[in-house]
């Protein structure tokens, strides 16, 4: 199933190569720049990750750029036996295919475990059976996962800065509590790496 997951993302990227770039969707570079503009000054570790990610994006080859799913984690796959179908395209953005791979594999990377490397290998095998793996994607994976995490941190901090805690519905308060725990752990990890 992990190979099928990698193959599904590769098929999306292969199809993306035939799409003309349209201004209707954002560019991941622009998302990083926007995130930098919204972060509080005390989030220096997150800022550093975003700035180094922006430098990496600037050096990527044009042939590895196209329409990304933007959120092809396991919860956005539907399985019909061994056949996989992709769901939830609302995070689609233009960018470099290696970034989409990192977003997809973020949970696998963070979970770690004895079989993490095997799952990554299976994903990369499935991907490369459909289209060549982007240059240095496997080597850059830890850095791109950090960039993806920093973007999530910036998005959540920005979203919660605009909400009033006192007037929020109970479900928002509960969700915010879960997010704050994740934010605390993720910001600490980004500061220490």
N, C-alpha and C. Protein backbone atom coordinates (compact mmCIF):
# COMPACT_ATOMS: atom_id res chain seq x y z
N UNK A 1 0.82 -1.20 0.00
CA UNK A 1 0.00 0.00 0.00
C UNK A 1 0.87 1.27 0.00
N UNK A 2 2.02 1.21 0.65
CA UNK A 2 2.89 2.38 0.66
C UNK A 2 3.45 2.63 -0.75
N UNK A 3 3.77 1.55 -1.46
CA UNK A 3 4.22 1.71 -2.85
C UNK A 3 3.11 2.33 -3.71
N UNK A 4 1.87 1.88 -3.50
CA UNK A 4 0.74 2.43 -4.26
C UNK A 4 0.54 3.91 -3.95
N UNK A 5 0.75 4.27 -2.70
CA UNK A 5 0.67 5.67 -2.28
C UNK A 5 1.71 6.51 -3.03
N UNK A 6 2.96 6.04 -3.06
CA UNK A 6 4.01 6.75 -3.80
C UNK A 6 3.68 6.83 -5.28
N UNK A 7 3.16 5.74 -5.84
CA UNK A 7 2.79 5.73 -7.25
C UNK A 7 1.65 6.70 -7.55
N UNK A 8 0.69 6.82 -6.63
CA UNK A 8 -0.42 7.76 -6.83
C UNK A 8 0.08 9.19 -6.91
N UNK A 9 1.02 9.54 -6.02
CA UNK A 9 1.56 10.91 -6.05
C UNK A 9 2.36 11.13 -7.33
N UNK A 10 3.10 10.13 -7.76
CA UNK A 10 3.88 10.25 -9.00
C UNK A 10 2.96 10.43 -10.21
N UNK A 11 1.82 9.72 -10.22
CA UNK A 11 0.87 9.89 -11.33
C UNK A 11 0.30 11.31 -11.35
N UNK A 12 0.03 11.86 -10.16
CA UNK A 12 -0.43 13.26 -10.11
C UNK A 12 0.63 14.20 -10.65
N UNK A 13 1.88 13.97 -10.27
CA UNK A 13 2.97 14.83 -10.74
C UNK A 13 3.19 14.67 -12.24
N UNK A 14 3.10 13.45 -12.73
CA UNK A 14 3.26 13.22 -14.17
C UNK A 14 2.16 13.95 -14.94
N UNK A 15 0.93 13.88 -14.45
CA UNK A 15 -0.17 14.60 -15.09
C UNK A 15 0.04 16.10 -15.00
N UNK A 16 0.56 16.56 -13.86
CA UNK A 16 0.81 17.98 -13.65
C UNK A 16 1.77 18.55 -14.69
N UNK A 17 2.67 17.73 -15.17
CA UNK A 17 3.64 18.19 -16.17
C UNK A 17 2.95 18.65 -17.45
N UNK A 18 1.71 18.22 -17.66
CA UNK A 18 0.98 18.59 -18.88
C UNK A 18 0.10 19.82 -18.67
N UNK A 19 -0.03 20.29 -17.43
CA UNK A 19 -0.91 21.43 -17.14
C UNK A 19 -0.14 22.74 -17.28
N UNK A 20 -0.73 23.73 -17.92
CA UNK A 20 -0.09 25.04 -17.93
C UNK A 20 -0.23 25.68 -16.54
N UNK A 21 0.77 26.44 -16.13
CA UNK A 21 0.70 27.12 -14.83
C UNK A 21 -0.34 28.22 -14.92
N UNK A 22 -1.23 28.24 -13.96
CA UNK A 22 -2.30 29.24 -13.92
C UNK A 22 -2.17 30.06 -12.64
N UNK A 23 -2.42 31.33 -12.74
CA UNK A 23 -2.29 32.23 -11.59
C UNK A 23 -3.42 32.04 -10.57
N UNK A 24 -4.42 31.22 -10.89
CA UNK A 24 -5.56 31.05 -9.99
C UNK A 24 -5.18 30.35 -8.68
N UNK A 25 -4.10 29.58 -8.69
CA UNK A 25 -3.66 28.89 -7.48
C UNK A 25 -2.35 29.51 -6.99
N UNK A 26 -2.13 29.48 -5.68
CA UNK A 26 -0.90 30.07 -5.15
C UNK A 26 0.34 29.24 -5.48
N UNK A 27 1.47 29.86 -5.27
CA UNK A 27 2.77 29.23 -5.44
C UNK A 27 3.33 28.98 -4.04
N UNK A 28 3.95 27.82 -3.81
CA UNK A 28 4.44 27.51 -2.46
C UNK A 28 5.49 28.50 -2.01
N UNK A 29 6.25 29.08 -2.93
CA UNK A 29 7.22 30.10 -2.56
C UNK A 29 6.51 31.31 -1.97
N UNK A 30 5.41 31.71 -2.60
CA UNK A 30 4.60 32.82 -2.09
C UNK A 30 4.01 32.50 -0.73
N UNK A 31 3.64 31.23 -0.51
CA UNK A 31 3.12 30.83 0.80
C UNK A 31 4.19 30.97 1.88
N UNK A 32 5.42 30.61 1.55
CA UNK A 32 6.51 30.75 2.53
C UNK A 32 6.74 32.23 2.83
N UNK A 33 6.75 33.07 1.80
CA UNK A 33 6.94 34.51 2.02
C UNK A 33 5.81 35.09 2.86
N UNK A 34 4.57 34.67 2.58
CA UNK A 34 3.43 35.16 3.36
C UNK A 34 3.54 34.71 4.81
N UNK A 35 3.95 33.46 5.02
CA UNK A 35 4.11 32.95 6.39
C UNK A 35 5.16 33.76 7.13
N UNK A 36 6.26 34.11 6.46
CA UNK A 36 7.29 34.94 7.09
C UNK A 36 6.73 36.29 7.53
N UNK A 37 5.79 36.80 6.76
CA UNK A 37 5.20 38.10 7.08
C UNK A 37 4.23 38.08 8.23
N UNK A 38 3.77 36.90 8.64
CA UNK A 38 2.77 36.83 9.71
C UNK A 38 3.34 36.35 11.04
N UNK A 39 4.55 35.83 11.05
CA UNK A 39 5.10 35.25 12.28
C UNK A 39 5.53 36.31 13.29
N UNK A 40 5.22 36.09 14.56
CA UNK A 40 5.74 37.00 15.59
C UNK A 40 7.26 36.90 15.67
N UNK A 41 7.91 37.96 16.11
CA UNK A 41 9.37 38.03 16.16
C UNK A 41 9.97 36.94 17.06
N UNK A 42 9.25 36.52 18.11
CA UNK A 42 9.81 35.53 19.03
C UNK A 42 9.85 34.12 18.45
N UNK A 43 9.33 33.91 17.26
CA UNK A 43 9.35 32.59 16.62
C UNK A 43 10.56 32.47 15.70
N UNK A 44 11.73 32.80 16.22
CA UNK A 44 12.96 32.82 15.42
C UNK A 44 13.32 31.49 14.79
N UNK A 45 13.10 30.39 15.50
CA UNK A 45 13.41 29.08 14.94
C UNK A 45 12.57 28.77 13.72
N UNK A 46 11.29 29.13 13.79
CA UNK A 46 10.39 28.91 12.66
C UNK A 46 10.79 29.81 11.50
N UNK A 47 11.13 31.07 11.82
CA UNK A 47 11.57 32.02 10.78
C UNK A 47 12.81 31.48 10.07
N UNK A 48 13.77 30.96 10.84
CA UNK A 48 14.98 30.42 10.25
C UNK A 48 14.71 29.26 9.31
N UNK A 49 13.79 28.38 9.70
CA UNK A 49 13.43 27.25 8.84
C UNK A 49 12.78 27.76 7.56
N UNK A 50 11.88 28.73 7.68
CA UNK A 50 11.22 29.27 6.49
C UNK A 50 12.21 29.97 5.57
N UNK A 51 13.12 30.73 6.13
CA UNK A 51 14.11 31.43 5.30
C UNK A 51 15.04 30.46 4.59
N UNK A 52 15.49 29.41 5.28
CA UNK A 52 16.36 28.43 4.60
C UNK A 52 15.56 27.65 3.56
N UNK A 53 14.28 27.39 3.85
CA UNK A 53 13.42 26.73 2.86
C UNK A 53 13.23 27.57 1.62
N UNK A 54 13.08 28.87 1.80
CA UNK A 54 12.93 29.78 0.68
C UNK A 54 14.19 29.77 -0.18
N UNK A 55 15.35 29.75 0.45
CA UNK A 55 16.61 29.68 -0.30
C UNK A 55 16.69 28.38 -1.08
N UNK A 56 16.24 27.27 -0.49
CA UNK A 56 16.24 25.98 -1.19
C UNK A 56 15.32 26.05 -2.40
N UNK A 57 14.11 26.59 -2.21
CA UNK A 57 13.15 26.67 -3.32
C UNK A 57 13.71 27.48 -4.48
N UNK A 58 14.43 28.54 -4.17
CA UNK A 58 15.01 29.39 -5.22
C UNK A 58 16.00 28.64 -6.11
N UNK A 59 16.61 27.58 -5.59
CA UNK A 59 17.61 26.86 -6.36
C UNK A 59 17.11 25.62 -7.07
N UNK A 60 15.79 25.39 -7.05
CA UNK A 60 15.27 24.16 -7.64
C UNK A 60 15.04 24.29 -9.14
N UNK A 61 15.21 23.18 -9.86
CA UNK A 61 15.05 23.21 -11.32
C UNK A 61 13.60 23.38 -11.76
N UNK A 62 13.41 24.13 -12.82
CA UNK A 62 12.07 24.42 -13.33
C UNK A 62 11.33 23.16 -13.76
N UNK A 63 12.06 22.14 -14.22
CA UNK A 63 11.38 20.92 -14.69
C UNK A 63 10.78 20.10 -13.55
N UNK A 64 11.11 20.44 -12.31
CA UNK A 64 10.53 19.74 -11.16
C UNK A 64 9.44 20.57 -10.49
N UNK A 65 8.89 21.53 -11.23
CA UNK A 65 7.87 22.45 -10.73
C UNK A 65 6.55 22.16 -11.41
N UNK A 66 5.47 22.14 -10.65
CA UNK A 66 4.16 21.92 -11.23
C UNK A 66 3.08 22.00 -10.16
N UNK A 67 1.92 21.51 -10.51
CA UNK A 67 0.79 21.53 -9.59
C UNK A 67 0.96 20.42 -8.56
N UNK A 68 0.91 20.79 -7.29
CA UNK A 68 1.05 19.84 -6.19
C UNK A 68 -0.31 19.56 -5.56
N UNK A 69 -0.46 18.38 -5.00
CA UNK A 69 -1.66 18.08 -4.23
C UNK A 69 -1.67 18.93 -2.97
N UNK A 70 -0.53 19.00 -2.30
CA UNK A 70 -0.38 19.84 -1.13
C UNK A 70 -0.79 19.20 0.19
N UNK A 71 -1.37 17.99 0.16
CA UNK A 71 -1.80 17.35 1.40
C UNK A 71 -2.08 15.87 1.19
N UNK A 72 -1.19 15.19 0.48
CA UNK A 72 -1.45 13.78 0.17
C UNK A 72 -0.96 12.87 1.31
N UNK A 73 -1.43 13.16 2.51
CA UNK A 73 -1.17 12.29 3.64
C UNK A 73 -2.15 11.12 3.56
N UNK A 74 -1.94 10.14 4.40
CA UNK A 74 -2.75 8.92 4.34
C UNK A 74 -4.25 9.17 4.52
N UNK A 75 -4.62 10.20 5.27
CA UNK A 75 -6.05 10.47 5.47
C UNK A 75 -6.73 11.04 4.24
N UNK A 76 -5.98 11.31 3.19
CA UNK A 76 -6.55 11.80 1.93
C UNK A 76 -6.47 10.75 0.82
N UNK A 77 -6.37 9.50 1.25
CA UNK A 77 -6.40 8.38 0.31
C UNK A 77 -7.59 7.51 0.63
N UNK A 78 -8.23 7.01 -0.40
CA UNK A 78 -9.34 6.07 -0.25
C UNK A 78 -8.92 4.78 -0.92
N UNK A 79 -9.05 3.68 -0.20
CA UNK A 79 -8.59 2.39 -0.72
C UNK A 79 -9.77 1.54 -1.15
N UNK A 80 -9.68 0.99 -2.35
CA UNK A 80 -10.63 0.01 -2.87
C UNK A 80 -9.81 -1.24 -3.14
N UNK A 81 -9.67 -2.07 -2.11
CA UNK A 81 -8.74 -3.20 -2.20
C UNK A 81 -7.33 -2.64 -2.24
N UNK A 82 -6.57 -3.02 -3.26
CA UNK A 82 -5.20 -2.51 -3.41
C UNK A 82 -5.15 -1.24 -4.26
N UNK A 83 -6.30 -0.83 -4.76
CA UNK A 83 -6.36 0.36 -5.62
C UNK A 83 -6.57 1.60 -4.76
N UNK A 84 -5.81 2.64 -5.04
CA UNK A 84 -5.87 3.87 -4.26
C UNK A 84 -6.51 4.99 -5.08
N UNK A 85 -7.34 5.78 -4.40
CA UNK A 85 -7.91 6.96 -5.01
C UNK A 85 -7.56 8.16 -4.12
N UNK A 86 -7.29 9.27 -4.76
CA UNK A 86 -6.84 10.47 -4.06
C UNK A 86 -8.03 11.39 -3.80
N UNK A 87 -8.08 11.93 -2.58
CA UNK A 87 -9.16 12.84 -2.16
C UNK A 87 -8.58 14.20 -1.78
N UNK A 88 -9.46 15.18 -1.60
CA UNK A 88 -9.16 16.44 -0.92
C UNK A 88 -8.06 17.25 -1.59
N UNK A 89 -8.43 17.94 -2.64
CA UNK A 89 -7.48 18.77 -3.39
C UNK A 89 -7.52 20.24 -2.98
N UNK A 90 -8.08 20.55 -1.81
CA UNK A 90 -8.23 21.96 -1.45
C UNK A 90 -6.93 22.64 -1.04
N UNK A 91 -5.85 21.88 -0.87
CA UNK A 91 -4.55 22.48 -0.54
C UNK A 91 -3.64 22.54 -1.77
N UNK A 92 -4.21 22.34 -2.95
CA UNK A 92 -3.41 22.35 -4.18
C UNK A 92 -2.70 23.68 -4.35
N UNK A 93 -1.46 23.60 -4.78
CA UNK A 93 -0.60 24.77 -4.92
C UNK A 93 0.46 24.44 -5.97
N UNK A 94 1.02 25.44 -6.58
CA UNK A 94 2.15 25.21 -7.48
C UNK A 94 3.44 25.20 -6.68
N UNK A 95 4.34 24.32 -7.05
CA UNK A 95 5.61 24.25 -6.36
C UNK A 95 6.46 23.12 -6.89
N UNK A 96 7.46 22.76 -6.13
CA UNK A 96 8.40 21.73 -6.52
C UNK A 96 7.94 20.38 -5.99
N UNK A 97 7.99 19.37 -6.85
CA UNK A 97 7.46 18.05 -6.52
C UNK A 97 8.06 17.47 -5.25
N UNK A 98 9.32 17.76 -4.97
CA UNK A 98 9.94 17.24 -3.75
C UNK A 98 9.22 17.75 -2.51
N UNK A 99 8.67 18.95 -2.57
CA UNK A 99 7.92 19.49 -1.43
C UNK A 99 6.64 18.69 -1.21
N UNK A 100 5.98 18.30 -2.28
CA UNK A 100 4.76 17.50 -2.17
C UNK A 100 5.07 16.14 -1.55
N UNK A 101 6.20 15.58 -1.90
CA UNK A 101 6.64 14.30 -1.33
C UNK A 101 6.87 14.47 0.17
N UNK A 102 7.50 15.56 0.55
CA UNK A 102 7.77 15.80 1.98
C UNK A 102 6.48 16.00 2.76
N UNK A 103 5.52 16.70 2.19
CA UNK A 103 4.23 16.89 2.86
C UNK A 103 3.56 15.54 3.05
N UNK A 104 3.56 14.72 2.01
CA UNK A 104 2.94 13.40 2.09
C UNK A 104 3.60 12.54 3.17
N UNK A 105 4.91 12.59 3.25
CA UNK A 105 5.66 11.71 4.15
C UNK A 105 5.95 12.31 5.52
N UNK A 106 5.43 13.48 5.80
CA UNK A 106 5.71 14.15 7.07
C UNK A 106 5.39 13.30 8.28
N UNK A 107 4.22 12.68 8.31
CA UNK A 107 3.85 11.85 9.46
C UNK A 107 4.75 10.62 9.57
N UNK A 108 5.07 10.01 8.44
CA UNK A 108 5.97 8.85 8.45
C UNK A 108 7.31 9.26 9.04
N UNK A 109 7.81 10.41 8.62
CA UNK A 109 9.11 10.88 9.11
C UNK A 109 9.05 11.14 10.62
N UNK A 110 8.02 11.85 11.06
CA UNK A 110 7.92 12.21 12.48
C UNK A 110 7.65 11.01 13.38
N UNK A 111 6.87 10.05 12.90
CA UNK A 111 6.56 8.86 13.71
C UNK A 111 7.80 8.03 13.98
N UNK A 112 8.73 8.05 13.05
CA UNK A 112 9.95 7.27 13.23
C UNK A 112 9.63 5.79 13.26
N UNK A 113 10.17 5.09 14.22
CA UNK A 113 9.94 3.66 14.35
C UNK A 113 10.95 2.85 13.57
N UNK A 114 10.99 1.58 13.91
CA UNK A 114 11.95 0.67 13.29
C UNK A 114 11.74 0.49 11.80
N UNK A 115 10.49 0.67 11.34
CA UNK A 115 10.21 0.42 9.92
C UNK A 115 10.11 1.71 9.09
N UNK A 116 10.47 2.86 9.68
CA UNK A 116 10.35 4.11 8.93
C UNK A 116 11.15 4.07 7.62
N UNK A 117 12.39 3.68 7.68
CA UNK A 117 13.22 3.66 6.47
C UNK A 117 12.65 2.72 5.43
N UNK A 118 12.08 1.60 5.87
CA UNK A 118 11.47 0.67 4.92
C UNK A 118 10.25 1.29 4.26
N UNK A 119 9.41 2.00 5.04
CA UNK A 119 8.23 2.65 4.46
C UNK A 119 8.65 3.75 3.48
N UNK A 120 9.69 4.49 3.81
CA UNK A 120 10.18 5.52 2.89
C UNK A 120 10.68 4.89 1.59
N UNK A 121 11.42 3.80 1.72
CA UNK A 121 11.92 3.09 0.54
C UNK A 121 10.77 2.60 -0.33
N UNK A 122 9.74 2.03 0.29
CA UNK A 122 8.58 1.56 -0.48
C UNK A 122 7.90 2.72 -1.19
N UNK A 123 7.72 3.85 -0.50
CA UNK A 123 7.10 5.02 -1.12
C UNK A 123 7.93 5.48 -2.31
N UNK A 124 9.25 5.63 -2.12
CA UNK A 124 10.12 6.08 -3.20
C UNK A 124 10.12 5.08 -4.36
N UNK A 125 10.09 3.78 -4.06
CA UNK A 125 10.02 2.76 -5.12
C UNK A 125 8.73 2.91 -5.92
N UNK A 126 7.62 3.10 -5.23
CA UNK A 126 6.34 3.28 -5.91
C UNK A 126 6.33 4.53 -6.77
N UNK A 127 6.90 5.60 -6.25
CA UNK A 127 6.97 6.86 -6.99
C UNK A 127 7.84 6.69 -8.23
N UNK A 128 9.04 6.15 -8.04
CA UNK A 128 9.99 6.07 -9.16
C UNK A 128 9.59 5.02 -10.20
N UNK A 129 8.66 4.15 -9.87
CA UNK A 129 8.14 3.22 -10.88
C UNK A 129 7.26 3.95 -11.90
N UNK A 130 6.76 5.14 -11.54
CA UNK A 130 5.88 5.92 -12.41
C UNK A 130 6.61 7.08 -13.07
N UNK A 131 7.43 7.78 -12.29
CA UNK A 131 8.22 8.90 -12.82
C UNK A 131 9.47 9.01 -11.97
N UNK A 132 10.54 9.57 -12.53
CA UNK A 132 11.77 9.69 -11.75
C UNK A 132 11.57 10.53 -10.49
N UNK A 133 12.16 10.08 -9.43
CA UNK A 133 12.13 10.83 -8.17
C UNK A 133 12.84 12.16 -8.38
N UNK A 134 12.28 13.26 -7.88
CA UNK A 134 12.97 14.55 -8.02
C UNK A 134 14.40 14.47 -7.46
N UNK A 135 15.29 15.20 -8.08
CA UNK A 135 16.69 15.21 -7.68
C UNK A 135 16.83 15.49 -6.19
N UNK A 136 17.57 14.62 -5.51
CA UNK A 136 17.87 14.78 -4.08
C UNK A 136 16.64 14.78 -3.18
N UNK A 137 15.49 14.31 -3.64
CA UNK A 137 14.28 14.32 -2.81
C UNK A 137 14.48 13.51 -1.53
N UNK A 138 15.09 12.35 -1.64
CA UNK A 138 15.29 11.52 -0.45
C UNK A 138 16.26 12.17 0.52
N UNK A 139 17.30 12.79 0.00
CA UNK A 139 18.30 13.46 0.84
C UNK A 139 17.70 14.70 1.50
N UNK A 140 16.88 15.42 0.77
CA UNK A 140 16.29 16.67 1.27
C UNK A 140 15.07 16.43 2.16
N UNK A 141 14.58 15.21 2.24
CA UNK A 141 13.34 14.94 2.96
C UNK A 141 13.31 15.52 4.38
N UNK A 142 14.33 15.31 5.21
CA UNK A 142 14.24 15.89 6.56
C UNK A 142 14.11 17.41 6.57
N UNK A 143 14.81 18.08 5.66
CA UNK A 143 14.75 19.54 5.58
C UNK A 143 13.39 20.02 5.07
N UNK A 144 12.85 19.30 4.10
CA UNK A 144 11.55 19.69 3.53
C UNK A 144 10.41 19.38 4.49
N UNK A 145 10.53 18.32 5.28
CA UNK A 145 9.53 18.03 6.32
C UNK A 145 9.55 19.17 7.34
N UNK A 146 10.73 19.64 7.69
CA UNK A 146 10.84 20.78 8.62
C UNK A 146 10.18 22.02 8.03
N UNK A 147 10.40 22.26 6.74
CA UNK A 147 9.79 23.42 6.07
C UNK A 147 8.27 23.28 6.11
N UNK A 148 7.76 22.11 5.80
CA UNK A 148 6.32 21.86 5.84
C UNK A 148 5.77 22.09 7.24
N UNK A 149 6.47 21.61 8.26
CA UNK A 149 6.04 21.82 9.65
C UNK A 149 6.04 23.30 10.00
N UNK A 150 7.06 24.02 9.56
CA UNK A 150 7.13 25.47 9.85
C UNK A 150 5.98 26.21 9.18
N UNK A 151 5.60 25.80 7.98
CA UNK A 151 4.45 26.42 7.31
C UNK A 151 3.16 26.16 8.08
N UNK A 152 3.00 24.93 8.60
CA UNK A 152 1.81 24.61 9.40
C UNK A 152 1.79 25.44 10.68
N UNK A 153 2.93 25.58 11.32
CA UNK A 153 3.02 26.39 12.53
C UNK A 153 2.59 27.83 12.23
N UNK A 154 3.15 28.41 11.18
CA UNK A 154 2.82 29.79 10.82
C UNK A 154 1.33 29.95 10.53
N UNK A 155 0.76 28.98 9.82
CA UNK A 155 -0.67 29.04 9.50
C UNK A 155 -1.54 28.98 10.73
N UNK A 156 -1.22 28.09 11.65
CA UNK A 156 -2.02 27.98 12.88
C UNK A 156 -1.86 29.21 13.76
N UNK A 157 -0.63 29.70 13.91
CA UNK A 157 -0.42 30.90 14.72
C UNK A 157 -1.20 32.08 14.15
N UNK A 158 -1.18 32.20 12.84
CA UNK A 158 -1.91 33.29 12.18
C UNK A 158 -3.43 33.13 12.37
N UNK A 159 -3.93 31.92 12.21
CA UNK A 159 -5.37 31.67 12.35
C UNK A 159 -5.84 31.96 13.77
N UNK A 160 -5.09 31.52 14.76
CA UNK A 160 -5.52 31.72 16.14
C UNK A 160 -5.30 33.14 16.63
N UNK A 161 -4.38 33.86 16.02
CA UNK A 161 -4.19 35.26 16.39
C UNK A 161 -5.42 36.09 16.03
N UNK A 162 -6.18 35.63 15.05
CA UNK A 162 -7.36 36.36 14.58
C UNK A 162 -8.65 35.92 15.27
N UNK A 163 -8.58 34.97 16.20
CA UNK A 163 -9.79 34.50 16.88
C UNK A 163 -9.80 34.94 18.33
N UNK A 164 -10.99 35.20 18.82
CA UNK A 164 -11.18 35.59 20.22
C UNK A 164 -11.46 34.34 21.04
N UNK A 165 -10.57 34.04 21.94
CA UNK A 165 -10.68 32.84 22.76
C UNK A 165 -11.98 32.81 23.56
N UNK A 166 -12.39 33.94 24.09
CA UNK A 166 -13.57 34.00 24.97
C UNK A 166 -14.87 33.74 24.22
N UNK A 167 -14.95 34.14 22.96
CA UNK A 167 -16.21 33.97 22.23
C UNK A 167 -16.20 32.76 21.29
N UNK A 168 -15.17 31.94 21.37
CA UNK A 168 -15.08 30.77 20.49
C UNK A 168 -16.03 29.67 20.95
N UNK A 169 -16.65 28.95 20.02
CA UNK A 169 -17.48 27.80 20.39
C UNK A 169 -16.63 26.72 21.07
N UNK A 170 -17.27 25.84 21.79
CA UNK A 170 -16.59 24.80 22.54
C UNK A 170 -15.70 23.94 21.65
N UNK A 171 -16.18 23.60 20.46
CA UNK A 171 -15.39 22.73 19.57
C UNK A 171 -14.12 23.44 19.11
N UNK A 172 -14.17 24.77 18.93
CA UNK A 172 -12.97 25.52 18.53
C UNK A 172 -11.99 25.55 19.69
N UNK A 173 -12.49 25.72 20.90
CA UNK A 173 -11.63 25.73 22.08
C UNK A 173 -10.92 24.39 22.24
N UNK A 174 -11.65 23.30 22.04
CA UNK A 174 -11.04 21.96 22.14
C UNK A 174 -9.99 21.75 21.05
N UNK A 175 -10.32 22.17 19.83
CA UNK A 175 -9.38 22.03 18.73
C UNK A 175 -8.15 22.90 18.98
N UNK A 176 -8.38 24.09 19.46
CA UNK A 176 -7.27 25.00 19.74
C UNK A 176 -6.34 24.41 20.80
N UNK A 177 -6.91 23.76 21.79
CA UNK A 177 -6.10 23.13 22.84
C UNK A 177 -5.19 22.05 22.26
N UNK A 178 -5.75 21.21 21.37
CA UNK A 178 -4.94 20.18 20.70
C UNK A 178 -3.84 20.82 19.85
N UNK A 179 -4.23 21.85 19.10
CA UNK A 179 -3.26 22.54 18.25
C UNK A 179 -2.16 23.20 19.07
N UNK A 180 -2.51 23.78 20.20
CA UNK A 180 -1.50 24.44 21.03
C UNK A 180 -0.47 23.45 21.55
N UNK A 181 -0.91 22.24 21.90
CA UNK A 181 0.05 21.20 22.32
C UNK A 181 0.98 20.85 21.15
N UNK A 182 0.40 20.68 19.96
CA UNK A 182 1.20 20.36 18.77
C UNK A 182 2.15 21.52 18.46
N UNK A 183 1.64 22.75 18.53
CA UNK A 183 2.47 23.92 18.25
C UNK A 183 3.65 24.00 19.21
N UNK A 184 3.39 23.79 20.47
CA UNK A 184 4.45 23.86 21.47
C UNK A 184 5.55 22.84 21.18
N UNK A 185 5.15 21.60 20.92
CA UNK A 185 6.13 20.53 20.64
C UNK A 185 6.86 20.79 19.33
N UNK A 186 6.14 21.23 18.31
CA UNK A 186 6.74 21.45 16.99
C UNK A 186 7.69 22.66 17.02
N UNK A 187 7.28 23.74 17.66
CA UNK A 187 8.16 24.91 17.75
C UNK A 187 9.44 24.57 18.52
N UNK A 188 9.30 23.80 19.59
CA UNK A 188 10.49 23.39 20.36
C UNK A 188 11.42 22.55 19.49
N UNK A 189 10.85 21.64 18.70
CA UNK A 189 11.67 20.80 17.82
C UNK A 189 12.36 21.64 16.75
N UNK A 190 11.64 22.61 16.18
CA UNK A 190 12.23 23.46 15.15
C UNK A 190 13.32 24.35 15.72
N UNK A 191 13.17 24.76 16.97
CA UNK A 191 14.21 25.59 17.63
C UNK A 191 15.47 24.79 17.87
N UNK A 192 15.31 23.49 18.20
CA UNK A 192 16.46 22.68 18.61
C UNK A 192 17.21 22.07 17.44
N UNK A 193 16.59 21.96 16.29
CA UNK A 193 17.25 21.27 15.16
C UNK A 193 18.19 22.20 14.43
